[in-house]
C-alpha atoms as a PDB file:
ATOM      1  CA  MET A   1    -160.743  68.038 -96.473  1.00  0.00           C
ATOM      2  CA  GLY A   2    -159.544  65.050 -94.462  1.00  0.00           C
ATOM      3  CA  ASN A   3    -157.827  67.301 -91.936  1.00  0.00           C
ATOM      4  CA  LEU A   4    -160.982  69.349 -91.451  1.00  0.00           C
ATOM      5  CA  PHE A   5    -163.058  66.202 -90.991  1.00  0.00           C
ATOM      6  CA  LEU A   6    -160.634  64.892 -88.369  1.00  0.00           C
ATOM      7  CA  ARG A   7    -160.731  68.196 -86.484  1.00  0.00           C
ATOM      8  CA  ARG A   8    -164.538  68.217 -86.478  1.00  0.00           C
ATOM      9  CA  CYS A   9    -164.616  64.596 -85.381  1.00  0.00           C
ATOM     10  CA  VAL A  10    -162.281  65.284 -82.460  1.00  0.00           C
ATOM     11  CA  MET A  11    -164.200  68.427 -81.500  1.00  0.00           C
ATOM     12  CA  SER A  12    -167.481  66.537 -81.389  1.00  0.00           C
ATOM     13  CA  ILE A  13    -166.152  64.108 -78.751  1.00  0.00           C
ATOM     14  CA  PRO A  14    -167.266  65.244 -75.282  1.00  0.00           C
ATOM     15  CA  MET A  15    -164.492  66.460 -72.980  1.00  0.00           C
ATOM     16  CA  HIS A  16    -165.432  64.061 -70.193  1.00  0.00           C
ATOM     17  CA  PHE A  17    -164.366  61.211 -72.500  1.00  0.00           C
ATOM     18  CA  PHE A  18    -160.754  62.442 -72.452  1.00  0.00           C
ATOM     19  CA  TYR A  19    -160.973  63.123 -68.744  1.00  0.00           C
ATOM     20  CA  ARG A  20    -161.962  59.526 -68.112  1.00  0.00           C
ATOM     21  CA  LEU A  21    -159.144  58.228 -70.319  1.00  0.00           C
ATOM     22  CA  ASP A  22    -156.719  60.245 -68.267  1.00  0.00           C
ATOM     23  CA  LYS A  23    -158.115  58.765 -65.060  1.00  0.00           C
ATOM     24  CA  MET A  24    -158.105  55.222 -66.449  1.00  0.00           C
ATOM     25  CA  SER A  25    -154.311  54.980 -66.368  1.00  0.00           C
ATOM     26  CA  PHE A  26    -154.327  55.959 -62.690  1.00  0.00           C
ATOM     27  CA  PHE A  27    -157.147  53.501 -62.037  1.00  0.00           C
ATOM     28  CA  SER A  28    -155.276  50.795 -63.927  1.00  0.00           C
ATOM     29  CA  SER A  29    -152.153  51.402 -61.828  1.00  0.00           C
ATOM     30  CA  TRP A  30    -154.184  51.019 -58.648  1.00  0.00           C
ATOM     31  CA  ILE A  31    -155.708  47.768 -59.902  1.00  0.00           C
ATOM     32  CA  LYS A  32    -152.232  46.408 -60.645  1.00  0.00           C
ATOM     33  CA  ALA A  33    -150.952  47.451 -57.217  1.00  0.00           C
ATOM     34  CA  ILE A  34    -153.914  45.867 -55.450  1.00  0.00           C
ATOM     35  CA  LEU A  35    -153.465  42.673 -57.460  1.00  0.00           C
ATOM     36  CA  ILE A  36    -149.770  42.421 -56.586  1.00  0.00           C
ATOM     37  CA  ILE A  37    -150.454  43.088 -52.906  1.00  0.00           C
ATOM     38  CA  GLY A  38    -153.284  40.570 -52.958  1.00  0.00           C
ATOM     39  CA  LEU A  39    -150.989  37.889 -54.348  1.00  0.00           C
ATOM     40  CA  ALA A  40    -147.973  38.664 -52.167  1.00  0.00           C
ATOM     41  CA  PHE A  41    -149.718  39.317 -48.835  1.00  0.00           C
ATOM     42  CA  PRO A  42    -150.802  35.701 -48.146  1.00  0.00           C
ATOM     43  CA  LEU A  43    -147.219  34.519 -48.619  1.00  0.00           C
ATOM     44  CA  TYR A  44    -146.000  37.189 -46.223  1.00  0.00           C
ATOM     45  CA  CYS A  45    -148.738  36.451 -43.689  1.00  0.00           C
ATOM     46  CA  GLU A  46    -148.045  32.752 -43.539  1.00  0.00           C
ATOM     47  CA  THR A  47    -144.513  33.270 -42.261  1.00  0.00           C
ATOM     48  CA  SER A  48    -144.551  36.553 -40.379  1.00  0.00           C
ATOM     49  CA  PHE A  49    -147.865  36.359 -38.554  1.00  0.00           C
ATOM     50  CA  ALA A  50    -147.443  32.760 -37.404  1.00  0.00           C
ATOM     51  CA  SER A  51    -146.498  32.554 -33.758  1.00  0.00           C
ATOM     52  CA  SER A  52    -142.895  31.670 -33.054  1.00  0.00           C
ATOM     53  CA  ARG A  53    -144.051  28.667 -31.055  1.00  0.00           C
ATOM     54  CA  LYS A  54    -145.870  27.188 -34.052  1.00  0.00           C
ATOM     55  CA  MET A  55    -142.932  27.872 -36.363  1.00  0.00           C
ATOM     56  CA  SER A  56    -140.542  26.223 -33.922  1.00  0.00           C
ATOM     57  CA  GLU A  57    -142.778  23.170 -33.681  1.00  0.00           C
ATOM     58  CA  MET A  58    -142.514  22.663 -37.434  1.00  0.00           C
ATOM     59  CA  ARG A  59    -138.702  22.425 -37.313  1.00  0.00           C
ATOM     60  CA  GLU A  60    -137.045  19.071 -36.752  1.00  0.00           C
ATOM     61  CA  ALA A  61    -134.475  18.239 -34.098  1.00  0.00           C
ATOM     62  CA  PRO A  62    -130.875  19.092 -35.059  1.00  0.00           C
ATOM     63  CA  GLU A  63    -128.796  16.369 -36.721  1.00  0.00           C
ATOM     64  CA  CYS A  64    -125.800  16.145 -34.386  1.00  0.00           C
ATOM     65  CA  SER A  65    -123.759  13.613 -36.365  1.00  0.00           C
ATOM     66  CA  ILE A  66    -122.447  16.373 -38.649  1.00  0.00           C
ATOM     67  CA  TYR A  67    -120.772  18.113 -35.695  1.00  0.00           C
ATOM     68  CA  ILE A  68    -118.694  15.147 -34.456  1.00  0.00           C
ATOM     69  CA  ARG A  69    -115.531  16.313 -36.229  1.00  0.00           C
ATOM     70  CA  GLN A  70    -115.862  19.953 -35.194  1.00  0.00           C
ATOM     71  CA  LEU A  71    -116.807  19.978 -31.520  1.00  0.00           C
ATOM     72  CA  HIS A  72    -117.114  23.524 -30.143  1.00  0.00           C
ATOM     73  CA  PHE A  73    -116.058  25.032 -33.498  1.00  0.00           C
ATOM     74  CA  CYS A  74    -119.311  26.970 -33.780  1.00  0.00           C
ATOM     75  CA  SER A  75    -120.479  30.312 -35.104  1.00  0.00           C
ATOM     76  CA  ARG A  76    -122.012  32.980 -32.880  1.00  0.00           C
ATOM     77  CA  GLU A  77    -125.404  32.930 -34.600  1.00  0.00           C
ATOM     78  CA  MET A  78    -128.346  33.086 -32.238  1.00  0.00           C
ATOM     79  CA  ASP A  79    -130.862  30.304 -32.912  1.00  0.00           C
ATOM     80  CA  PRO A  80    -131.701  29.050 -29.400  1.00  0.00           C
ATOM     81  CA  VAL A  81    -132.153  25.355 -28.669  1.00  0.00           C
ATOM     82  CA  CYS A  82    -133.717  24.113 -25.441  1.00  0.00           C
ATOM     83  CA  ALA A  83    -132.438  20.795 -24.107  1.00  0.00           C
ATOM     84  CA  THR A  84    -134.103  18.335 -21.731  1.00  0.00           C
ATOM     85  CA  ASN A  85    -131.630  19.395 -19.031  1.00  0.00           C
ATOM     86  CA  GLY A  86    -133.400  22.791 -18.931  1.00  0.00           C
ATOM     87  CA  LYS A  87    -130.476  24.683 -20.417  1.00  0.00           C
ATOM     88  CA  THR A  88    -130.740  26.937 -23.489  1.00  0.00           C
ATOM     89  CA  TYR A  89    -127.925  26.616 -26.024  1.00  0.00           C
ATOM     90  CA  SER A  90    -127.232  29.495 -28.406  1.00  0.00           C
ATOM     91  CA  ASN A  91    -127.465  27.377 -31.580  1.00  0.00           C
ATOM     92  CA  LYS A  92    -127.576  23.781 -32.796  1.00  0.00           C
ATOM     93  CA  CYS A  93    -123.784  23.514 -33.113  1.00  0.00           C
ATOM     94  CA  VAL A  94    -123.248  24.429 -29.454  1.00  0.00           C
ATOM     95  CA  PHE A  95    -126.116  22.122 -28.443  1.00  0.00           C
ATOM     96  CA  CYS A  96    -124.730  19.185 -30.442  1.00  0.00           C
ATOM     97  CA  SER A  97    -121.167  19.745 -29.239  1.00  0.00           C
ATOM     98  CA  GLU A  98    -122.313  19.567 -25.617  1.00  0.00           C
ATOM     99  CA  LYS A  99    -124.593  16.606 -26.320  1.00  0.00           C
ATOM    100  CA  ILE A 100    -121.832  14.620 -28.043  1.00  0.00           C
ATOM    101  CA  GLU A 101    -119.349  15.457 -25.301  1.00  0.00           C
ATOM    102  CA  HIS A 102    -121.604  14.754 -22.293  1.00  0.00           C
ATOM    103  CA  GLY A 103    -124.601  12.883 -23.748  1.00  0.00           C
ATOM    104  CA  ARG A 104    -126.869  13.175 -20.692  1.00  0.00           C
ATOM    105  CA  PHE A 105    -129.631  15.192 -22.366  1.00  0.00           C
ATOM    106  CA  ASP A 106    -131.670  15.396 -25.556  1.00  0.00           C
ATOM    107  CA  PHE A 107    -133.364  17.990 -27.728  1.00  0.00           C
ATOM    108  CA  SER A 108    -136.525  19.461 -26.190  1.00  0.00           C
ATOM    109  CA  HIS A 109    -137.614  22.261 -28.560  1.00  0.00           C
ATOM    110  CA  TRP A 110    -136.400  25.244 -30.561  1.00  0.00           C
ATOM    111  CA  GLY A 111    -136.312  28.498 -28.638  1.00  0.00           C
ATOM    112  CA  LEU A 112    -135.558  29.526 -25.084  1.00  0.00           C
ATOM    113  CA  CYS A 113    -136.284  27.113 -22.241  1.00  0.00           C
END
């Protein structure tokens, strides 16, 4: 009796109800994806869409006192530093080594001159 009642109950439910349940999981996945993108995109935008000039203005001048003991013992990383003498140095270590050794120029800005 109970089994027959259950079968009749299930048969009386319109088919579009099950169709919508099937589509709800897909819809729910899209909502989750949109939510994640909506939360992550502003963080991505703030750093990648900012102009390099603005990002370089936010950085401080290199602290050259840490390079006194290791003059010209620098890596080959490329993070250009422009000095007031108009010359571009490949990174802050090279810039500081030259500044400590010669001392006739100062930091101008990050990036190419």
